[in-house]
Amino acid sequence: MSSDMGKSGPISELQRTVSEEGIKALWKGVGPAMARAAALTASQLATYDETKQILVKWTSLREGFHLHLISSTVAGILSTLITAPVDMVKTRLMLQRQSKGGIIYKNGFNCAYQVLLTEGPKALYKGGFAIFARLGPQTTITFILCEELRKHAGLEAI
C-alpha cells in the first residue's frame, strides 16, 4: 500500500492483493522479515555485551553512561551492517509483484544472489544510511534506558 502513495485505503488494497495475487501474497517477505528480526536482536545483544566487556577490560571506562553510550552505538552500527542486506532482500520480495515484470526472485537467497550478480555487493547495502538513522538511535536509547531501569530496580547491569 505504501508503494501506491495512498491512492486506496487498507481494505481495498487488501482486496486487490488477494484478488490479483492470491491469499499467499499477504505473507510475502515474512521469511526475510523473521530472519531480519532474529539477526537484529542477536547482533544487538551480542555486540552490546561484548563491546562492554572489551571496553571495561582495555580502557579506563567503568559501568555508567559513557560505557553504555559507546557500547550501544557500536551495537547499532554492527546491527545495521548485518541487517541491511536482509532488509533490502525483504523489501524487494515484498514489492516484486508490484513491478510489471511479475515474479523476479524465487526466494530470499535467489534475490540476494541475483542482486550480487547484477548490481554487485554494494547493492546489498542500498538504504543502509537510512536504516542506521533509525536503528542507531533506537539501539542506543534502548540499551541506555534498559541499563538505567535495571539500576533503578536494584538489578545488576547487563
N, C-alpha and C. Protein backbone atom coordinates (compact mmCIF):
# COMPACT_ATOMS: atom_id res chain seq x y z
N MET A 1 0.82 -1.18 0.00
CA MET A 1 0.00 0.00 0.00
C MET A 1 0.87 1.25 0.00
N SER A 2 2.00 1.21 0.68
CA SER A 2 2.86 2.38 0.73
C SER A 2 3.46 2.69 -0.63
N SER A 3 3.58 1.70 -1.49
CA SER A 3 4.13 1.95 -2.82
C SER A 3 3.11 2.61 -3.74
N ASP A 4 1.83 2.58 -3.37
CA ASP A 4 0.79 3.22 -4.18
C ASP A 4 0.57 4.67 -3.81
N MET A 5 1.33 5.17 -2.83
CA MET A 5 1.26 6.57 -2.40
C MET A 5 -0.15 6.98 -1.97
N GLY A 6 -0.83 6.08 -1.26
CA GLY A 6 -2.11 6.44 -0.66
C GLY A 6 -3.27 6.56 -1.62
N LYS A 7 -3.24 5.91 -2.78
CA LYS A 7 -4.33 6.01 -3.74
C LYS A 7 -5.56 5.25 -3.28
N SER A 8 -5.37 4.26 -2.41
CA SER A 8 -6.50 3.49 -1.91
C SER A 8 -6.32 3.23 -0.43
N GLY A 9 -7.40 2.80 0.19
CA GLY A 9 -7.35 2.52 1.61
C GLY A 9 -6.89 1.10 1.88
N PRO A 10 -6.72 0.76 3.16
CA PRO A 10 -6.21 -0.56 3.51
C PRO A 10 -7.14 -1.71 3.10
N ILE A 11 -8.44 -1.51 3.22
CA ILE A 11 -9.39 -2.58 2.88
C ILE A 11 -9.36 -2.86 1.38
N SER A 12 -9.41 -1.79 0.58
CA SER A 12 -9.38 -2.00 -0.87
C SER A 12 -8.04 -2.57 -1.33
N GLU A 13 -6.96 -2.20 -0.66
CA GLU A 13 -5.65 -2.75 -1.01
C GLU A 13 -5.57 -4.22 -0.63
N LEU A 14 -6.14 -4.59 0.49
CA LEU A 14 -6.20 -5.99 0.90
C LEU A 14 -7.00 -6.80 -0.11
N GLN A 15 -8.16 -6.29 -0.52
CA GLN A 15 -8.98 -6.97 -1.52
C GLN A 15 -8.25 -7.09 -2.86
N ARG A 16 -7.57 -6.04 -3.27
CA ARG A 16 -6.84 -6.07 -4.53
C ARG A 16 -5.72 -7.09 -4.49
N THR A 17 -4.99 -7.12 -3.39
CA THR A 17 -3.87 -8.06 -3.24
C THR A 17 -4.38 -9.51 -3.31
N VAL A 18 -5.44 -9.82 -2.57
CA VAL A 18 -5.96 -11.18 -2.55
C VAL A 18 -6.53 -11.57 -3.92
N SER A 19 -7.26 -10.66 -4.56
CA SER A 19 -7.86 -11.00 -5.86
C SER A 19 -6.82 -11.12 -6.98
N GLU A 20 -5.80 -10.28 -6.97
CA GLU A 20 -4.81 -10.30 -8.04
C GLU A 20 -3.67 -11.28 -7.80
N GLU A 21 -3.27 -11.44 -6.53
CA GLU A 21 -2.07 -12.23 -6.24
C GLU A 21 -2.34 -13.46 -5.39
N GLY A 22 -3.54 -13.60 -4.86
CA GLY A 22 -3.87 -14.74 -4.02
C GLY A 22 -3.60 -14.47 -2.55
N ILE A 23 -4.15 -15.33 -1.71
CA ILE A 23 -4.05 -15.14 -0.26
C ILE A 23 -2.60 -15.24 0.23
N LYS A 24 -1.77 -16.06 -0.46
CA LYS A 24 -0.38 -16.21 -0.05
C LYS A 24 0.40 -14.90 -0.16
N ALA A 25 -0.06 -13.99 -0.99
CA ALA A 25 0.63 -12.71 -1.18
C ALA A 25 0.63 -11.88 0.10
N LEU A 26 -0.29 -12.15 1.00
CA LEU A 26 -0.34 -11.40 2.26
C LEU A 26 0.86 -11.73 3.14
N TRP A 27 1.54 -12.83 2.85
CA TRP A 27 2.71 -13.23 3.64
C TRP A 27 4.01 -13.09 2.86
N LYS A 28 3.99 -12.28 1.80
CA LYS A 28 5.22 -12.05 1.04
C LYS A 28 6.27 -11.42 1.96
N GLY A 29 7.45 -11.97 1.95
CA GLY A 29 8.54 -11.40 2.72
C GLY A 29 8.56 -11.76 4.19
N VAL A 30 7.66 -12.64 4.62
CA VAL A 30 7.63 -12.97 6.05
C VAL A 30 8.89 -13.74 6.46
N GLY A 31 9.43 -14.57 5.58
CA GLY A 31 10.66 -15.30 5.88
C GLY A 31 11.82 -14.37 6.13
N PRO A 32 12.12 -13.47 5.16
CA PRO A 32 13.19 -12.50 5.41
C PRO A 32 12.90 -11.57 6.59
N ALA A 33 11.64 -11.27 6.84
CA ALA A 33 11.32 -10.40 7.98
C ALA A 33 11.66 -11.10 9.30
N MET A 34 11.38 -12.40 9.37
CA MET A 34 11.74 -13.15 10.58
C MET A 34 13.25 -13.30 10.70
N ALA A 35 13.92 -13.54 9.58
CA ALA A 35 15.38 -13.65 9.59
C ALA A 35 16.00 -12.33 10.04
N ARG A 36 15.44 -11.23 9.57
CA ARG A 36 15.94 -9.91 9.95
C ARG A 36 15.75 -9.67 11.45
N ALA A 37 14.59 -10.02 11.96
CA ALA A 37 14.31 -9.83 13.39
C ALA A 37 15.28 -10.63 14.24
N ALA A 38 15.53 -11.87 13.84
CA ALA A 38 16.46 -12.72 14.60
C ALA A 38 17.89 -12.17 14.51
N ALA A 39 18.31 -11.80 13.31
CA ALA A 39 19.67 -11.27 13.12
C ALA A 39 19.85 -9.95 13.86
N LEU A 40 18.81 -9.11 13.84
CA LEU A 40 18.88 -7.81 14.52
C LEU A 40 19.04 -8.00 16.02
N THR A 41 18.17 -8.79 16.61
CA THR A 41 18.21 -8.98 18.06
C THR A 41 19.52 -9.63 18.50
N ALA A 42 19.91 -10.68 17.79
CA ALA A 42 21.16 -11.38 18.14
C ALA A 42 22.36 -10.46 18.01
N SER A 43 22.42 -9.70 16.92
CA SER A 43 23.58 -8.82 16.72
C SER A 43 23.60 -7.67 17.72
N GLN A 44 22.45 -7.13 18.06
CA GLN A 44 22.41 -6.05 19.05
C GLN A 44 22.88 -6.54 20.42
N LEU A 45 22.29 -7.63 20.89
CA LEU A 45 22.62 -8.11 22.23
C LEU A 45 24.06 -8.59 22.35
N ALA A 46 24.49 -9.38 21.38
CA ALA A 46 25.85 -9.92 21.43
C ALA A 46 26.89 -8.80 21.32
N THR A 47 26.68 -7.88 20.39
CA THR A 47 27.64 -6.80 20.19
C THR A 47 27.69 -5.88 21.40
N TYR A 48 26.54 -5.56 21.95
CA TYR A 48 26.49 -4.69 23.13
C TYR A 48 27.27 -5.32 24.28
N ASP A 49 26.98 -6.58 24.55
CA ASP A 49 27.62 -7.27 25.66
C ASP A 49 29.13 -7.39 25.45
N GLU A 50 29.55 -7.82 24.28
CA GLU A 50 30.98 -7.98 24.00
C GLU A 50 31.72 -6.65 24.02
N THR A 51 31.10 -5.61 23.46
CA THR A 51 31.73 -4.30 23.45
C THR A 51 31.92 -3.78 24.87
N LYS A 52 30.90 -3.96 25.71
CA LYS A 52 31.04 -3.55 27.11
C LYS A 52 32.19 -4.27 27.79
N GLN A 53 32.27 -5.57 27.60
CA GLN A 53 33.33 -6.34 28.24
C GLN A 53 34.71 -5.91 27.74
N ILE A 54 34.86 -5.70 26.46
CA ILE A 54 36.15 -5.28 25.89
C ILE A 54 36.53 -3.89 26.40
N LEU A 55 35.58 -2.97 26.42
CA LEU A 55 35.87 -1.61 26.89
C LEU A 55 36.26 -1.58 28.36
N VAL A 56 35.59 -2.37 29.17
CA VAL A 56 35.92 -2.42 30.60
C VAL A 56 37.31 -3.02 30.79
N LYS A 57 37.64 -4.02 29.99
CA LYS A 57 38.94 -4.69 30.12
C LYS A 57 40.09 -3.84 29.59
N TRP A 58 39.91 -3.15 28.47
CA TRP A 58 41.02 -2.49 27.79
C TRP A 58 41.04 -0.97 27.89
N THR A 59 40.04 -0.38 28.54
CA THR A 59 40.04 1.08 28.71
C THR A 59 39.80 1.41 30.17
N SER A 60 39.76 2.69 30.45
CA SER A 60 39.50 3.12 31.83
C SER A 60 38.00 3.27 32.10
N LEU A 61 37.15 2.94 31.12
CA LEU A 61 35.71 3.07 31.31
C LEU A 61 35.20 2.04 32.31
N ARG A 62 34.27 2.46 33.14
CA ARG A 62 33.61 1.58 34.10
C ARG A 62 32.11 1.71 33.90
N GLU A 63 31.38 0.87 34.59
CA GLU A 63 29.92 0.85 34.46
C GLU A 63 29.37 2.26 34.61
N GLY A 64 28.57 2.69 33.63
CA GLY A 64 27.99 4.02 33.66
C GLY A 64 27.58 4.50 32.28
N PHE A 65 27.13 5.73 32.22
CA PHE A 65 26.53 6.28 30.99
C PHE A 65 27.48 6.20 29.79
N HIS A 66 28.74 6.62 29.94
CA HIS A 66 29.66 6.65 28.80
C HIS A 66 29.92 5.24 28.24
N LEU A 67 30.07 4.28 29.12
CA LEU A 67 30.25 2.90 28.68
C LEU A 67 29.02 2.41 27.93
N HIS A 68 27.85 2.72 28.45
CA HIS A 68 26.60 2.30 27.81
C HIS A 68 26.42 3.01 26.47
N LEU A 69 26.76 4.28 26.40
CA LEU A 69 26.61 5.04 25.15
C LEU A 69 27.50 4.47 24.05
N ILE A 70 28.76 4.26 24.36
CA ILE A 70 29.69 3.74 23.35
C ILE A 70 29.31 2.33 22.93
N SER A 71 29.01 1.48 23.90
CA SER A 71 28.66 0.09 23.59
C SER A 71 27.39 -0.01 22.75
N SER A 72 26.40 0.77 23.09
CA SER A 72 25.15 0.72 22.34
C SER A 72 25.29 1.32 20.95
N THR A 73 26.13 2.32 20.80
CA THR A 73 26.38 2.89 19.47
C THR A 73 27.09 1.88 18.58
N VAL A 74 28.07 1.19 19.12
CA VAL A 74 28.75 0.13 18.36
C VAL A 74 27.76 -0.96 17.97
N ALA A 75 26.88 -1.32 18.89
CA ALA A 75 25.86 -2.34 18.61
C ALA A 75 24.93 -1.87 17.49
N GLY A 76 24.58 -0.60 17.48
CA GLY A 76 23.72 -0.06 16.42
C GLY A 76 24.40 -0.10 15.06
N ILE A 77 25.68 0.23 15.03
CA ILE A 77 26.43 0.21 13.76
C ILE A 77 26.54 -1.21 13.23
N LEU A 78 26.95 -2.14 14.08
CA LEU A 78 27.11 -3.52 13.63
C LEU A 78 25.77 -4.14 13.24
N SER A 79 24.73 -3.85 13.99
CA SER A 79 23.40 -4.37 13.66
C SER A 79 22.94 -3.87 12.29
N THR A 80 23.26 -2.64 11.98
CA THR A 80 22.92 -2.10 10.67
C THR A 80 23.66 -2.84 9.57
N LEU A 81 24.94 -3.07 9.78
CA LEU A 81 25.74 -3.80 8.78
C LEU A 81 25.22 -5.22 8.56
N ILE A 82 24.72 -5.84 9.60
CA ILE A 82 24.23 -7.20 9.49
C ILE A 82 22.83 -7.26 8.89
N THR A 83 21.97 -6.32 9.25
CA THR A 83 20.57 -6.41 8.81
C THR A 83 20.26 -5.68 7.51
N ALA A 84 21.10 -4.76 7.07
CA ALA A 84 20.80 -4.00 5.84
C ALA A 84 20.60 -4.91 4.63
N PRO A 85 21.45 -5.93 4.41
CA PRO A 85 21.19 -6.81 3.26
C PRO A 85 19.86 -7.56 3.37
N VAL A 86 19.51 -7.98 4.58
CA VAL A 86 18.25 -8.70 4.77
C VAL A 86 17.07 -7.76 4.54
N ASP A 87 17.20 -6.50 4.96
CA ASP A 87 16.16 -5.50 4.70
C ASP A 87 15.95 -5.29 3.21
N MET A 88 17.06 -5.19 2.47
CA MET A 88 16.97 -4.99 1.03
C MET A 88 16.27 -6.16 0.37
N VAL A 89 16.63 -7.38 0.75
CA VAL A 89 16.00 -8.58 0.18
C VAL A 89 14.52 -8.60 0.53
N LYS A 90 14.20 -8.34 1.78
CA LYS A 90 12.81 -8.33 2.23
C LYS A 90 11.97 -7.34 1.43
N THR A 91 12.50 -6.15 1.25
CA THR A 91 11.77 -5.12 0.51
C THR A 91 11.56 -5.52 -0.93
N ARG A 92 12.58 -6.06 -1.58
CA ARG A 92 12.44 -6.47 -2.98
C ARG A 92 11.44 -7.61 -3.13
N LEU A 93 11.45 -8.55 -2.20
CA LEU A 93 10.49 -9.65 -2.28
C LEU A 93 9.06 -9.14 -2.10
N MET A 94 8.87 -8.22 -1.16
CA MET A 94 7.53 -7.70 -0.91
C MET A 94 6.98 -6.88 -2.07
N LEU A 95 7.86 -6.22 -2.80
CA LEU A 95 7.41 -5.34 -3.88
C LEU A 95 7.50 -5.96 -5.27
N GLN A 96 8.03 -7.16 -5.41
CA GLN A 96 8.29 -7.68 -6.75
C GLN A 96 7.04 -7.86 -7.60
N ARG A 97 5.90 -8.22 -7.05
CA ARG A 97 4.69 -8.37 -7.86
C ARG A 97 4.15 -7.02 -8.31
N GLN A 98 4.55 -5.97 -7.61
CA GLN A 98 4.13 -4.63 -7.99
C GLN A 98 4.77 -4.23 -9.31
N SER A 99 5.93 -4.83 -9.62
CA SER A 99 6.61 -4.47 -10.86
C SER A 99 5.91 -5.11 -12.04
N LYS A 100 6.08 -4.54 -13.20
CA LYS A 100 5.39 -5.01 -14.39
C LYS A 100 5.94 -6.34 -14.89
N GLY A 101 7.15 -6.70 -14.48
CA GLY A 101 7.77 -7.95 -14.94
C GLY A 101 7.28 -9.18 -14.20
N GLY A 102 6.46 -9.03 -13.16
CA GLY A 102 5.99 -10.17 -12.40
C GLY A 102 7.04 -10.67 -11.42
N ILE A 103 7.06 -11.99 -11.19
CA ILE A 103 8.00 -12.57 -10.24
C ILE A 103 9.42 -12.52 -10.80
N ILE A 104 10.30 -11.90 -10.05
CA ILE A 104 11.69 -11.76 -10.44
C ILE A 104 12.55 -12.73 -9.63
N TYR A 105 12.22 -12.88 -8.35
CA TYR A 105 13.03 -13.68 -7.43
C TYR A 105 12.21 -14.85 -6.91
N LYS A 106 12.83 -16.02 -6.81
CA LYS A 106 12.15 -17.22 -6.31
C LYS A 106 12.02 -17.19 -4.79
N ASN A 107 13.07 -16.69 -4.12
CA ASN A 107 13.09 -16.63 -2.66
C ASN A 107 14.16 -15.64 -2.23
N GLY A 108 14.38 -15.53 -0.94
CA GLY A 108 15.36 -14.57 -0.42
C GLY A 108 16.78 -14.83 -0.88
N PHE A 109 17.18 -16.09 -0.88
CA PHE A 109 18.53 -16.43 -1.32
C PHE A 109 18.72 -16.11 -2.79
N ASN A 110 17.71 -16.43 -3.61
CA ASN A 110 17.78 -16.13 -5.03
C ASN A 110 17.86 -14.63 -5.25
N CYS A 111 17.10 -13.87 -4.47
CA CYS A 111 17.12 -12.41 -4.57
C CYS A 111 18.52 -11.88 -4.27
N ALA A 112 19.10 -12.31 -3.16
CA ALA A 112 20.45 -11.85 -2.80
C ALA A 112 21.47 -12.24 -3.87
N TYR A 113 21.36 -13.44 -4.38
CA TYR A 113 22.27 -13.92 -5.42
C TYR A 113 22.14 -13.08 -6.69
N GLN A 114 20.90 -12.82 -7.12
CA GLN A 114 20.67 -12.02 -8.33
C GLN A 114 21.19 -10.59 -8.16
N VAL A 115 20.99 -10.02 -6.99
CA VAL A 115 21.48 -8.67 -6.72
C VAL A 115 23.00 -8.65 -6.77
N LEU A 116 23.64 -9.64 -6.15
CA LEU A 116 25.11 -9.72 -6.18
C LEU A 116 25.63 -9.85 -7.61
N LEU A 117 24.96 -10.68 -8.41
CA LEU A 117 25.39 -10.88 -9.79
C LEU A 117 25.20 -9.64 -10.66
N THR A 118 24.05 -9.01 -10.54
CA THR A 118 23.71 -7.92 -11.45
C THR A 118 24.14 -6.53 -10.97
N GLU A 119 24.15 -6.34 -9.65
CA GLU A 119 24.42 -5.00 -9.12
C GLU A 119 25.68 -4.91 -8.26
N GLY A 120 26.21 -6.05 -7.86
CA GLY A 120 27.40 -6.05 -7.03
C GLY A 120 27.09 -6.00 -5.54
N PRO A 121 28.12 -6.22 -4.70
CA PRO A 121 27.91 -6.30 -3.25
C PRO A 121 27.41 -5.00 -2.62
N LYS A 122 27.77 -3.86 -3.18
CA LYS A 122 27.32 -2.59 -2.60
C LYS A 122 25.79 -2.47 -2.62
N ALA A 123 25.16 -3.12 -3.59
CA ALA A 123 23.70 -3.04 -3.72
C ALA A 123 22.99 -3.66 -2.52
N LEU A 124 23.65 -4.58 -1.83
CA LEU A 124 23.04 -5.18 -0.64
C LEU A 124 22.85 -4.15 0.47
N TYR A 125 23.60 -3.05 0.40
CA TYR A 125 23.53 -2.03 1.43
C TYR A 125 22.80 -0.77 0.98
N LYS A 126 22.00 -0.89 -0.08
CA LYS A 126 21.18 0.25 -0.50
C LYS A 126 20.25 0.63 0.65
N GLY A 127 20.23 1.89 0.96
CA GLY A 127 19.41 2.36 2.07
C GLY A 127 20.04 2.15 3.43
N GLY A 128 21.31 1.75 3.45
CA GLY A 128 21.98 1.47 4.72
C GLY A 128 22.05 2.66 5.65
N PHE A 129 22.28 3.84 5.10
CA PHE A 129 22.36 5.03 5.95
C PHE A 129 20.99 5.33 6.58
N ALA A 130 19.94 5.18 5.79
CA ALA A 130 18.59 5.40 6.33
C ALA A 130 18.27 4.37 7.42
N ILE A 131 18.72 3.15 7.21
CA ILE A 131 18.50 2.11 8.22
C ILE A 131 19.24 2.48 9.51
N PHE A 132 20.49 2.93 9.36
CA PHE A 132 21.24 3.33 10.56
C PHE A 132 20.62 4.56 11.23
N ALA A 133 20.10 5.48 10.44
CA ALA A 133 19.48 6.69 11.01
C ALA A 133 18.31 6.33 11.92
N ARG A 134 17.68 5.20 11.66
CA ARG A 134 16.58 4.73 12.51
C ARG A 134 17.10 3.77 13.58
N LEU A 135 17.93 2.83 13.17
CA LEU A 135 18.36 1.76 14.06
C LEU A 135 19.42 2.21 15.07
N GLY A 136 20.32 3.08 14.67
CA GLY A 136 21.36 3.56 15.58
C GLY A 136 20.79 4.22 16.83
N PRO A 137 19.97 5.26 16.67
CA PRO A 137 19.39 5.89 17.86
C PRO A 137 18.47 4.95 18.65
N GLN A 138 17.73 4.12 17.94
CA GLN A 138 16.83 3.18 18.63
C GLN A 138 17.62 2.23 19.51
N THR A 139 18.72 1.69 18.98
CA THR A 139 19.56 0.77 19.75
C THR A 139 20.20 1.48 20.94
N THR A 140 20.72 2.66 20.70
CA THR A 140 21.38 3.42 21.76
C THR A 140 20.40 3.74 22.88
N ILE A 141 19.25 4.27 22.53
CA ILE A 141 18.25 4.63 23.54
C ILE A 141 17.76 3.40 24.29
N THR A 142 17.53 2.31 23.57
CA THR A 142 17.03 1.08 24.20
C THR A 142 17.99 0.56 25.26
N PHE A 143 19.28 0.46 24.92
CA PHE A 143 20.24 -0.09 25.88
C PHE A 143 20.51 0.87 27.04
N ILE A 144 20.60 2.14 26.78
CA ILE A 144 20.82 3.10 27.87
C ILE A 144 19.63 3.08 28.82
N LEU A 145 18.43 3.08 28.25
CA LEU A 145 17.21 3.04 29.07
C LEU A 145 17.12 1.73 29.86
N CYS A 146 17.46 0.64 29.22
CA CYS A 146 17.44 -0.66 29.90
C CYS A 146 18.40 -0.67 31.09
N GLU A 147 19.60 -0.15 30.86
CA GLU A 147 20.59 -0.11 31.95
C GLU A 147 20.12 0.78 33.10
N GLU A 148 19.53 1.92 32.77
CA GLU A 148 19.03 2.83 33.81
C GLU A 148 17.87 2.20 34.59
N LEU A 149 16.96 1.54 33.89
CA LEU A 149 15.83 0.89 34.56
C LEU A 149 16.31 -0.24 35.47
N ARG A 150 17.30 -0.99 35.01
CA ARG A 150 17.87 -2.05 35.85
C ARG A 150 18.49 -1.44 37.11
N LYS A 151 19.21 -0.33 36.94
CA LYS A 151 19.85 0.32 38.08
C LYS A 151 18.80 0.79 39.08
N HIS A 152 17.73 1.39 38.59
CA HIS A 152 16.68 1.90 39.50
C HIS A 152 15.89 0.77 40.14
N ALA A 153 15.87 -0.39 39.50
CA ALA A 153 15.18 -1.55 40.08
C ALA A 153 16.07 -2.33 41.03
N GLY A 154 17.34 -1.89 41.15
CA GLY A 154 18.26 -2.57 42.04
C GLY A 154 18.90 -3.81 41.44
N LEU A 155 18.86 -3.93 40.12
CA LEU A 155 19.45 -5.08 39.43
C LEU A 155 20.84 -4.75 38.93
N GLU A 156 21.64 -5.79 38.70
CA GLU A 156 22.97 -5.59 38.14
C GLU A 156 22.87 -5.16 36.69
N ALA A 157 23.92 -4.53 36.19
CA ALA A 157 23.96 -4.12 34.78
C ALA A 157 24.01 -5.37 33.91
N ILE A 158 23.63 -5.18 32.67
CA ILE A 158 23.65 -6.30 31.70
C ILE A 158 25.08 -6.76 31.51
